[in-house]
Amino acid sequence: TPWAAQIQAQRESRNHVDDPYGYCLPPGTPRINFGGGP
């Protein structure tokens, strides 16, 4: 949606510094299944 597309573009323009996972917060579902190890 336009709302989501704007947020996605902002995240990329800020080089992903706003990712909660980068602040030791849970990466969310389903992302947690694919990048956190076993």
PDB file of all heavy atoms in Angstrom:
ATOM      1  N   THR A   1       0.849  -1.183   0.000  1.00  0.00           N
ATOM      2  CA  THR A   1       0.000   0.000   0.000  1.00  0.00           C
ATOM      3  C   THR A   1       0.896   1.249   0.000  1.00  0.00           C
ATOM      4  O   THR A   1       2.085   1.167   0.344  1.00  0.00           O
ATOM      5  CB  THR A   1      -0.902   0.017   1.235  1.00  0.00           C
ATOM      6  OG1 THR A   1      -0.083   0.076   2.412  1.00  0.00           O
ATOM      7  CG2 THR A   1      -1.774  -1.243   1.286  1.00  0.00           C
ATOM      8  N   PRO A   2       0.380   2.420  -0.352  1.00  0.00           N
ATOM      9  CA  PRO A   2       1.209   3.638  -0.304  1.00  0.00           C
ATOM     10  C   PRO A   2       1.829   3.877   1.066  1.00  0.00           C
ATOM     11  O   PRO A   2       2.981   4.318   1.169  1.00  0.00           O
ATOM     12  CB  PRO A   2       0.216   4.738  -0.690  1.00  0.00           C
ATOM     13  CG  PRO A   2      -0.790   4.043  -1.560  1.00  0.00           C
ATOM     14  CD  PRO A   2      -0.941   2.670  -0.966  1.00  0.00           C
ATOM     15  N   TRP A   3       1.098   3.595   2.106  1.00  0.00           N
ATOM     16  CA  TRP A   3       1.627   3.762   3.469  1.00  0.00           C
ATOM     17  C   TRP A   3       2.847   2.885   3.696  1.00  0.00           C
ATOM     18  O   TRP A   3       3.892   3.343   4.176  1.00  0.00           O
ATOM     19  CB  TRP A   3       0.530   3.410   4.482  1.00  0.00           C
ATOM     20  CG  TRP A   3       1.025   3.276   5.898  1.00  0.00           C
ATOM     21  CD1 TRP A   3       1.249   4.292   6.783  1.00  0.00           C
ATOM     22  CD2 TRP A   3       1.361   2.057   6.575  1.00  0.00           C
ATOM     23  NE1 TRP A   3       1.703   3.775   7.982  1.00  0.00           N
ATOM     24  CE2 TRP A   3       1.788   2.413   7.876  1.00  0.00           C
ATOM     25  CE3 TRP A   3       1.340   0.713   6.213  1.00  0.00           C
ATOM     26  CZ2 TRP A   3       2.195   1.468   8.815  1.00  0.00           C
ATOM     27  CZ3 TRP A   3       1.750  -0.236   7.138  1.00  0.00           C
ATOM     28  CH2 TRP A   3       2.167   0.140   8.430  1.00  0.00           C
ATOM     29  N   ALA A   4       2.735   1.603   3.331  1.00  0.00           N
ATOM     30  CA  ALA A   4       3.840   0.665   3.540  1.00  0.00           C
ATOM     31  C   ALA A   4       5.018   0.976   2.627  1.00  0.00           C
ATOM     32  O   ALA A   4       6.178   0.872   3.039  1.00  0.00           O
ATOM     33  CB  ALA A   4       3.354  -0.765   3.318  1.00  0.00           C
ATOM     34  N   ALA A   5       4.731   1.352   1.383  1.00  0.00           N
ATOM     35  CA  ALA A   5       5.806   1.661   0.436  1.00  0.00           C
ATOM     36  C   ALA A   5       6.635   2.847   0.920  1.00  0.00           C
ATOM     37  O   ALA A   5       7.867   2.868   0.768  1.00  0.00           O
ATOM     38  CB  ALA A   5       5.227   1.936  -0.943  1.00  0.00           C
ATOM     39  N   GLN A   6       5.985   3.839   1.516  1.00  0.00           N
ATOM     40  CA  GLN A   6       6.701   5.007   2.020  1.00  0.00           C
ATOM     41  C   GLN A   6       7.620   4.625   3.179  1.00  0.00           C
ATOM     42  O   GLN A   6       8.767   5.092   3.262  1.00  0.00           O
ATOM     43  CB  GLN A   6       5.705   6.066   2.473  1.00  0.00           C
ATOM     44  CG  GLN A   6       6.354   7.359   2.958  1.00  0.00           C
ATOM     45  CD  GLN A   6       5.323   8.409   3.342  1.00  0.00           C
ATOM     46  OE1 GLN A   6       4.147   8.133   3.461  1.00  0.00           O
ATOM     47  NE2 GLN A   6       5.793   9.636   3.541  1.00  0.00           N
ATOM     48  N   ILE A   7       7.123   3.773   4.071  1.00  0.00           N
ATOM     49  CA  ILE A   7       7.932   3.338   5.201  1.00  0.00           C
ATOM     50  C   ILE A   7       9.117   2.506   4.723  1.00  0.00           C
ATOM     51  O   ILE A   7      10.255   2.678   5.183  1.00  0.00           O
ATOM     52  CB  ILE A   7       7.074   2.537   6.195  1.00  0.00           C
ATOM     53  CG1 ILE A   7       6.050   3.454   6.859  1.00  0.00           C
ATOM     54  CG2 ILE A   7       7.945   1.856   7.244  1.00  0.00           C
ATOM     55  CD1 ILE A   7       5.120   2.749   7.800  1.00  0.00           C
ATOM     56  N   GLN A   8       8.864   1.610   3.774  1.00  0.00           N
ATOM     57  CA  GLN A   8       9.937   0.766   3.256  1.00  0.00           C
ATOM     58  C   GLN A   8      11.029   1.607   2.604  1.00  0.00           C
ATOM     59  O   GLN A   8      12.230   1.373   2.804  1.00  0.00           O
ATOM     60  CB  GLN A   8       9.362  -0.248   2.272  1.00  0.00           C
ATOM     61  CG  GLN A   8      10.315  -1.363   1.855  1.00  0.00           C
ATOM     62  CD  GLN A   8      11.088  -1.042   0.591  1.00  0.00           C
ATOM     63  OE1 GLN A   8      10.696  -0.164  -0.171  1.00  0.00           O
ATOM     64  NE2 GLN A   8      12.184  -1.758   0.381  1.00  0.00           N
ATOM     65  N   ALA A   9      10.640   2.609   1.843  1.00  0.00           N
ATOM     66  CA  ALA A   9      11.615   3.483   1.192  1.00  0.00           C
ATOM     67  C   ALA A   9      12.423   4.276   2.229  1.00  0.00           C
ATOM     68  O   ALA A   9      13.638   4.471   2.074  1.00  0.00           O
ATOM     69  CB  ALA A   9      10.901   4.435   0.240  1.00  0.00           C
ATOM     70  N   GLN A  10      11.769   4.711   3.280  1.00  0.00           N
ATOM     71  CA  GLN A  10      12.468   5.445   4.337  1.00  0.00           C
ATOM     72  C   GLN A  10      13.493   4.558   5.024  1.00  0.00           C
ATOM     73  O   GLN A  10      14.616   4.987   5.326  1.00  0.00           O
ATOM     74  CB  GLN A  10      11.468   5.981   5.348  1.00  0.00           C
ATOM     75  CG  GLN A  10      12.108   6.781   6.480  1.00  0.00           C
ATOM     76  CD  GLN A  10      11.104   7.168   7.547  1.00  0.00           C
ATOM     77  OE1 GLN A  10      10.458   6.301   8.138  1.00  0.00           O
ATOM     78  NE2 GLN A  10      10.960   8.472   7.775  1.00  0.00           N
ATOM     79  N   ARG A  11      13.125   3.313   5.288  1.00  0.00           N
ATOM     80  CA  ARG A  11      14.052   2.398   5.950  1.00  0.00           C
ATOM     81  C   ARG A  11      15.296   2.162   5.102  1.00  0.00           C
ATOM     82  O   ARG A  11      16.418   2.129   5.625  1.00  0.00           O
ATOM     83  CB  ARG A  11      13.344   1.072   6.247  1.00  0.00           C
ATOM     84  CG  ARG A  11      12.302   1.182   7.347  1.00  0.00           C
ATOM     85  CD  ARG A  11      11.523  -0.110   7.522  1.00  0.00           C
ATOM     86  NE  ARG A  11      10.605  -0.017   8.648  1.00  0.00           N
ATOM     87  CZ  ARG A  11       9.757  -0.973   9.009  1.00  0.00           C
ATOM     88  NH1 ARG A  11       9.711  -2.105   8.315  1.00  0.00           N
ATOM     89  NH2 ARG A  11       8.961  -0.807  10.050  1.00  0.00           N
ATOM     90  N   GLU A  12      15.110   1.989   3.806  1.00  0.00           N
ATOM     91  CA  GLU A  12      16.263   1.790   2.935  1.00  0.00           C
ATOM     92  C   GLU A  12      17.109   3.059   2.859  1.00  0.00           C
ATOM     93  O   GLU A  12      18.351   2.989   2.858  1.00  0.00           O
ATOM     94  CB  GLU A  12      15.807   1.372   1.535  1.00  0.00           C
ATOM     95  CG  GLU A  12      15.351  -0.083   1.455  1.00  0.00           C
ATOM     96  CD  GLU A  12      15.287  -0.592   0.032  1.00  0.00           C
ATOM     97  OE1 GLU A  12      14.793   0.171  -0.840  1.00  0.00           O
ATOM     98  OE2 GLU A  12      15.732  -1.723  -0.216  1.00  0.00           O
ATOM     99  N   SER A  13      16.469   4.233   2.806  1.00  0.00           N
ATOM    100  CA  SER A  13      17.216   5.489   2.695  1.00  0.00           C
ATOM    101  C   SER A  13      18.033   5.768   3.952  1.00  0.00           C
ATOM    102  O   SER A  13      19.061   6.448   3.892  1.00  0.00           O
ATOM    103  CB  SER A  13      16.259   6.652   2.421  1.00  0.00           C
ATOM    104  OG  SER A  13      15.447   6.934   3.561  1.00  0.00           O
ATOM    105  N   ARG A  14      17.591   5.246   5.078  1.00  0.00           N
ATOM    106  CA  ARG A  14      18.316   5.432   6.343  1.00  0.00           C
ATOM    107  C   ARG A  14      19.259   4.262   6.636  1.00  0.00           C
ATOM    108  O   ARG A  14      19.751   4.109   7.743  1.00  0.00           O
ATOM    109  CB  ARG A  14      17.321   5.598   7.496  1.00  0.00           C
ATOM    110  CG  ARG A  14      16.605   6.944   7.483  1.00  0.00           C
ATOM    111  CD  ARG A  14      15.522   7.020   8.567  1.00  0.00           C
ATOM    112  NE  ARG A  14      15.996   6.675   9.901  1.00  0.00           N
ATOM    113  CZ  ARG A  14      16.680   7.497  10.695  1.00  0.00           C
ATOM    114  NH1 ARG A  14      16.995   8.720  10.272  1.00  0.00           N
ATOM    115  NH2 ARG A  14      17.063   7.108  11.902  1.00  0.00           N
ATOM    116  N   ASN A  15      19.502   3.457   5.619  1.00  0.00           N
ATOM    117  CA  ASN A  15      20.454   2.339   5.721  1.00  0.00           C
ATOM    118  C   ASN A  15      20.101   1.388   6.864  1.00  0.00           C
ATOM    119  O   ASN A  15      20.969   0.878   7.565  1.00  0.00           O
ATOM    120  CB  ASN A  15      21.883   2.855   5.897  1.00  0.00           C
ATOM    121  CG  ASN A  15      22.919   1.792   5.561  1.00  0.00           C
ATOM    122  OD1 ASN A  15      22.638   0.870   4.790  1.00  0.00           O
ATOM    123  ND2 ASN A  15      24.104   1.914   6.138  1.00  0.00           N
ATOM    124  N   HIS A  16      18.790   1.194   7.066  1.00  0.00           N
ATOM    125  CA  HIS A  16      18.272   0.184   7.991  1.00  0.00           C
ATOM    126  C   HIS A  16      18.643   0.432   9.454  1.00  0.00           C
ATOM    127  O   HIS A  16      18.626  -0.500  10.263  1.00  0.00           O
ATOM    128  CB  HIS A  16      18.749  -1.212   7.559  1.00  0.00           C
ATOM    129  CG  HIS A  16      18.460  -1.538   6.130  1.00  0.00           C
ATOM    130  ND1 HIS A  16      19.289  -1.152   5.108  1.00  0.00           N
ATOM    131  CD2 HIS A  16      17.428  -2.185   5.539  1.00  0.00           C
ATOM    132  CE1 HIS A  16      18.793  -1.554   3.948  1.00  0.00           C
ATOM    133  NE2 HIS A  16      17.660  -2.179   4.181  1.00  0.00           N
ATOM    134  N   VAL A  17      18.960   1.669   9.818  1.00  0.00           N
ATOM    135  CA  VAL A  17      19.368   1.933  11.200  1.00  0.00           C
ATOM    136  C   VAL A  17      18.198   1.824  12.171  1.00  0.00           C
ATOM    137  O   VAL A  17      18.413   1.765  13.394  1.00  0.00           O
ATOM    138  CB  VAL A  17      20.023   3.326  11.331  1.00  0.00           C
ATOM    139  CG1 VAL A  17      21.261   3.420  10.480  1.00  0.00           C
ATOM    140  CG2 VAL A  17      19.032   4.433  10.977  1.00  0.00           C
ATOM    141  N   ASP A  18      16.974   1.790  11.661  1.00  0.00           N
ATOM    142  CA  ASP A  18      15.806   1.737  12.543  1.00  0.00           C
ATOM    143  C   ASP A  18      15.321   0.315  12.809  1.00  0.00           C
ATOM    144  O   ASP A  18      14.280   0.126  13.453  1.00  0.00           O
ATOM    145  CB  ASP A  18      14.652   2.542  11.924  1.00  0.00           C
ATOM    146  CG  ASP A  18      15.027   3.999  11.699  1.00  0.00           C
ATOM    147  OD1 ASP A  18      15.577   4.613  12.625  1.00  0.00           O
ATOM    148  OD2 ASP A  18      14.777   4.512  10.587  1.00  0.00           O
ATOM    149  N   ASP A  19      16.055  -0.681  12.335  1.00  0.00           N
ATOM    150  CA  ASP A  19      15.649  -2.068  12.530  1.00  0.00           C
ATOM    151  C   ASP A  19      15.644  -2.399  14.024  1.00  0.00           C
ATOM    152  O   ASP A  19      16.681  -2.282  14.693  1.00  0.00           O
ATOM    153  CB  ASP A  19      16.628  -2.991  11.786  1.00  0.00           C
ATOM    154  CG  ASP A  19      16.150  -4.438  11.754  1.00  0.00           C
ATOM    155  OD1 ASP A  19      15.301  -4.820  12.582  1.00  0.00           O
ATOM    156  OD2 ASP A  19      16.641  -5.180  10.886  1.00  0.00           O
ATOM    157  N   PRO A  20      14.501  -2.831  14.596  1.00  0.00           N
ATOM    158  CA  PRO A  20      14.465  -3.170  16.024  1.00  0.00           C
ATOM    159  C   PRO A  20      15.481  -4.241  16.407  1.00  0.00           C
ATOM    160  O   PRO A  20      15.998  -4.235  17.534  1.00  0.00           O
ATOM    161  CB  PRO A  20      13.026  -3.669  16.234  1.00  0.00           C
ATOM    162  CG  PRO A  20      12.244  -3.077  15.109  1.00  0.00           C
ATOM    163  CD  PRO A  20      13.184  -2.992  13.950  1.00  0.00           C
ATOM    164  N   TYR A  21      15.761  -5.154  15.470  1.00  0.00           N
ATOM    165  CA  TYR A  21      16.714  -6.231  15.758  1.00  0.00           C
ATOM    166  C   TYR A  21      18.101  -5.656  16.053  1.00  0.00           C
ATOM    167  O   TYR A  21      18.875  -6.250  16.814  1.00  0.00           O
ATOM    168  CB  TYR A  21      16.758  -7.177  14.573  1.00  0.00           C
ATOM    169  CG  TYR A  21      17.380  -8.524  14.854  1.00  0.00           C
ATOM    170  CD1 TYR A  21      17.426  -9.056  16.132  1.00  0.00           C
ATOM    171  CD2 TYR A  21      17.912  -9.296  13.817  1.00  0.00           C
ATOM    172  CE1 TYR A  21      17.978 -10.293  16.384  1.00  0.00           C
ATOM    173  CE2 TYR A  21      18.461 -10.536  14.047  1.00  0.00           C
ATOM    174  CZ  TYR A  21      18.501 -11.033  15.334  1.00  0.00           C
ATOM    175  OH  TYR A  21      19.059 -12.263  15.574  1.00  0.00           O
ATOM    176  N   GLY A  22      18.421  -4.518  15.445  1.00  0.00           N
ATOM    177  CA  GLY A  22      19.704  -3.890  15.692  1.00  0.00           C
ATOM    178  C   GLY A  22      19.817  -3.296  17.083  1.00  0.00           C
ATOM    179  O   GLY A  22      20.921  -2.924  17.517  1.00  0.00           O
ATOM    180  N   TYR A  23      18.693  -3.207  17.807  1.00  0.00           N
ATOM    181  CA  TYR A  23      18.667  -2.683  19.170  1.00  0.00           C
ATOM    182  C   TYR A  23      18.359  -3.807  20.170  1.00  0.00           C
ATOM    183  O   TYR A  23      17.837  -3.549  21.256  1.00  0.00           O
ATOM    184  CB  TYR A  23      17.642  -1.566  19.282  1.00  0.00           C
ATOM    185  CG  TYR A  23      17.987  -0.372  18.425  1.00  0.00           C
ATOM    186  CD1 TYR A  23      17.552  -0.290  17.098  1.00  0.00           C
ATOM    187  CD2 TYR A  23      18.788   0.665  18.912  1.00  0.00           C
ATOM    188  CE1 TYR A  23      17.880   0.788  16.292  1.00  0.00           C
ATOM    189  CE2 TYR A  23      19.119   1.745  18.122  1.00  0.00           C
ATOM    190  CZ  TYR A  23      18.667   1.808  16.803  1.00  0.00           C
ATOM    191  OH  TYR A  23      19.004   2.881  15.999  1.00  0.00           O
ATOM    192  N   CYS A  24      18.669  -5.036  19.752  1.00  0.00           N
ATOM    193  CA  CYS A  24      18.512  -6.217  20.617  1.00  0.00           C
ATOM    194  C   CYS A  24      17.058  -6.489  20.982  1.00  0.00           C
ATOM    195  O   CYS A  24      16.769  -7.044  22.048  1.00  0.00           O
ATOM    196  CB  CYS A  24      19.359  -6.087  21.883  1.00  0.00           C
ATOM    197  SG  CYS A  24      21.133  -5.999  21.547  1.00  0.00           S
ATOM    198  N   LEU A  25      16.124  -6.079  20.117  1.00  0.00           N
ATOM    199  CA  LEU A  25      14.716  -6.429  20.273  1.00  0.00           C
ATOM    200  C   LEU A  25      14.403  -7.627  19.400  1.00  0.00           C
ATOM    201  O   LEU A  25      15.119  -7.900  18.419  1.00  0.00           O
ATOM    202  CB  LEU A  25      13.834  -5.237  19.891  1.00  0.00           C
ATOM    203  CG  LEU A  25      13.966  -4.013  20.804  1.00  0.00           C
ATOM    204  CD1 LEU A  25      13.249  -2.807  20.194  1.00  0.00           C
ATOM    205  CD2 LEU A  25      13.403  -4.316  22.189  1.00  0.00           C
ATOM    206  N   PRO A  26      13.354  -8.382  19.699  1.00  0.00           N
ATOM    207  CA  PRO A  26      13.032  -9.554  18.879  1.00  0.00           C
ATOM    208  C   PRO A  26      12.828  -9.175  17.416  1.00  0.00           C
ATOM    209  O   PRO A  26      12.232  -8.130  17.113  1.00  0.00           O
ATOM    210  CB  PRO A  26      11.735 -10.072  19.514  1.00  0.00           C
ATOM    211  CG  PRO A  26      11.784  -9.597  20.928  1.00  0.00           C
ATOM    212  CD  PRO A  26      12.461  -8.255  20.861  1.00  0.00           C
ATOM    213  N   PRO A  27      13.310  -9.990  16.486  1.00  0.00           N
ATOM    214  CA  PRO A  27      13.213  -9.652  15.063  1.00  0.00           C
ATOM    215  C   PRO A  27      11.820  -9.787  14.482  1.00  0.00           C
ATOM    216  O   PRO A  27      11.590  -9.399  13.339  1.00  0.00           O
ATOM    217  CB  PRO A  27      14.181 -10.640  14.401  1.00  0.00           C
ATOM    218  CG  PRO A  27      14.227 -11.798  15.336  1.00  0.00           C
ATOM    219  CD  PRO A  27      14.073 -11.228  16.711  1.00  0.00           C
ATOM    220  N   GLY A  28      10.874 -10.335  15.241  1.00  0.00           N
ATOM    221  CA  GLY A  28       9.507 -10.474  14.740  1.00  0.00           C
ATOM    222  C   GLY A  28       9.262 -11.826  14.107  1.00  0.00           C
ATOM    223  O   GLY A  28      10.178 -12.581  13.777  1.00  0.00           O
ATOM    224  N   THR A  29       7.986 -12.129  13.922  1.00  0.00           N
ATOM    225  CA  THR A  29       7.546 -13.374  13.283  1.00  0.00           C
ATOM    226  C   THR A  29       7.067 -13.058  11.872  1.00  0.00           C
ATOM    227  O   THR A  29       6.283 -12.111  11.700  1.00  0.00           O
ATOM    228  CB  THR A  29       6.388 -14.000  14.089  1.00  0.00           C
ATOM    229  OG1 THR A  29       6.807 -14.187  15.445  1.00  0.00           O
ATOM    230  CG2 THR A  29       5.944 -15.331  13.504  1.00  0.00           C
ATOM    231  N   PRO A  30       7.542 -13.750  10.841  1.00  0.00           N
ATOM    232  CA  PRO A  30       8.314 -14.995  10.850  1.00  0.00           C
ATOM    233  C   PRO A  30       9.815 -14.809  10.724  1.00  0.00           C
ATOM    234  O   PRO A  30      10.550 -15.795  10.614  1.00  0.00           O
ATOM    235  CB  PRO A  30       7.768 -15.701   9.620  1.00  0.00           C
ATOM    236  CG  PRO A  30       7.537 -14.590   8.644  1.00  0.00           C
ATOM    237  CD  PRO A  30       7.025 -13.441   9.481  1.00  0.00           C
ATOM    238  N   ARG A  31      10.338 -13.583  10.704  1.00  0.00           N
ATOM    239  CA  ARG A  31      11.771 -13.358  10.464  1.00  0.00           C
ATOM    240  C   ARG A  31      12.633 -14.112  11.466  1.00  0.00           C
ATOM    241  O   ARG A  31      13.748 -14.545  11.136  1.00  0.00           O
ATOM    242  CB  ARG A  31      12.077 -11.855  10.505  1.00  0.00           C
ATOM    243  CG  ARG A  31      13.515 -11.517  10.170  1.00  0.00           C
ATOM    244  CD  ARG A  31      13.744 -10.034   9.902  1.00  0.00           C
ATOM    245  NE  ARG A  31      13.447  -9.161  11.013  1.00  0.00           N
ATOM    246  CZ  ARG A  31      14.114  -8.036  11.288  1.00  0.00           C
ATOM    247  NH1 ARG A  31      15.122  -7.671  10.514  1.00  0.00           N
ATOM    248  NH2 ARG A  31      13.756  -7.268  12.291  1.00  0.00           N
ATOM    249  N   ILE A  32      12.136 -14.306  12.667  1.00  0.00           N
ATOM    250  CA  ILE A  32      12.921 -14.951  13.711  1.00  0.00           C
ATOM    251  C   ILE A  32      13.336 -16.368  13.329  1.00  0.00           C
ATOM    252  O   ILE A  32      14.347 -16.890  13.814  1.00  0.00           O
ATOM    253  CB  ILE A  32      12.128 -14.951  15.039  1.00  0.00           C
ATOM    254  CG1 ILE A  32      13.045 -15.301  16.199  1.00  0.00           C
ATOM    255  CG2 ILE A  32      10.916 -15.876  14.960  1.00  0.00           C
ATOM    256  CD1 ILE A  32      12.397 -15.108  17.562  1.00  0.00           C
ATOM    257  N   ASN A  33      12.577 -17.014  12.439  1.00  0.00           N
ATOM    258  CA  ASN A  33      12.876 -18.394  12.065  1.00  0.00           C
ATOM    259  C   ASN A  33      14.049 -18.515  11.103  1.00  0.00           C
ATOM    260  O   ASN A  33      14.574 -19.619  10.915  1.00  0.00           O
ATOM    261  CB  ASN A  33      11.653 -19.039  11.406  1.00  0.00           C
ATOM    262  CG  ASN A  33      10.477 -19.173  12.347  1.00  0.00           C
ATOM    263  OD1 ASN A  33      10.645 -19.431  13.532  1.00  0.00           O
ATOM    264  ND2 ASN A  33       9.279 -18.977  11.835  1.00  0.00           N
ATOM    265  N   PHE A  34      14.453 -17.425  10.471  1.00  0.00           N
ATOM    266  CA  PHE A  34      15.383 -17.528   9.350  1.00  0.00           C
ATOM    267  C   PHE A  34      16.761 -16.943   9.609  1.00  0.00           C
ATOM    268  O   PHE A  34      17.678 -17.225   8.847  1.00  0.00           O
ATOM    269  CB  PHE A  34      14.780 -16.830   8.125  1.00  0.00           C
ATOM    270  CG  PHE A  34      13.416 -17.313   7.765  1.00  0.00           C
ATOM    271  CD1 PHE A  34      12.356 -16.430   7.650  1.00  0.00           C
ATOM    272  CD2 PHE A  34      13.175 -18.657   7.570  1.00  0.00           C
ATOM    273  CE1 PHE A  34      11.081 -16.880   7.324  1.00  0.00           C
ATOM    274  CE2 PHE A  34      11.907 -19.121   7.245  1.00  0.00           C
ATOM    275  CZ  PHE A  34      10.860 -18.223   7.122  1.00  0.00           C
ATOM    276  N   GLY A  35      16.957 -16.139  10.643  1.00  0.00           N
ATOM    277  CA  GLY A  35      18.248 -15.495  10.776  1.00  0.00           C
ATOM    278  C   GLY A  35      18.880 -15.583  12.145  1.00  0.00           C
ATOM    279  O   GLY A  35      19.983 -15.086  12.345  1.00  0.00           O
ATOM    280  N   GLY A  36      18.217 -16.191  13.104  1.00  0.00           N
ATOM    281  CA  GLY A  36      18.742 -16.182  14.467  1.00  0.00           C
ATOM    282  C   GLY A  36      19.483 -17.430  14.865  1.00  0.00           C
ATOM    283  O   GLY A  36      19.776 -17.627  16.036  1.00  0.00           O
ATOM    284  N   GLY A  37      19.807 -18.293  13.929  1.00  0.00           N
ATOM    285  CA  GLY A  37      20.480 -19.527  14.277  1.00  0.00           C
ATOM    286  C   GLY A  37      19.498 -20.612  14.657  1.00  0.00           C
ATOM    287  O   GLY A  37      18.284 -20.475  14.501  1.00  0.00           O
ATOM    288  N   PRO A  38      19.989 -21.735  15.167  1.00  0.00           N
ATOM    289  CA  PRO A  38      19.109 -22.862  15.512  1.00  0.00           C
ATOM    290  C   PRO A  38      18.103 -22.505  16.593  1.00  0.00           C
ATOM    291  O   PRO A  38      18.358 -21.637  17.433  1.00  0.00           O
ATOM    292  CB  PRO A  38      20.098 -23.927  16.012  1.00  0.00           C
ATOM    293  CG  PRO A  38      21.419 -23.530  15.451  1.00  0.00           C
ATOM    294  CD  PRO A  38      21.402 -22.035  15.400  1.00  0.00           C
TER     295      PRO A  38
END
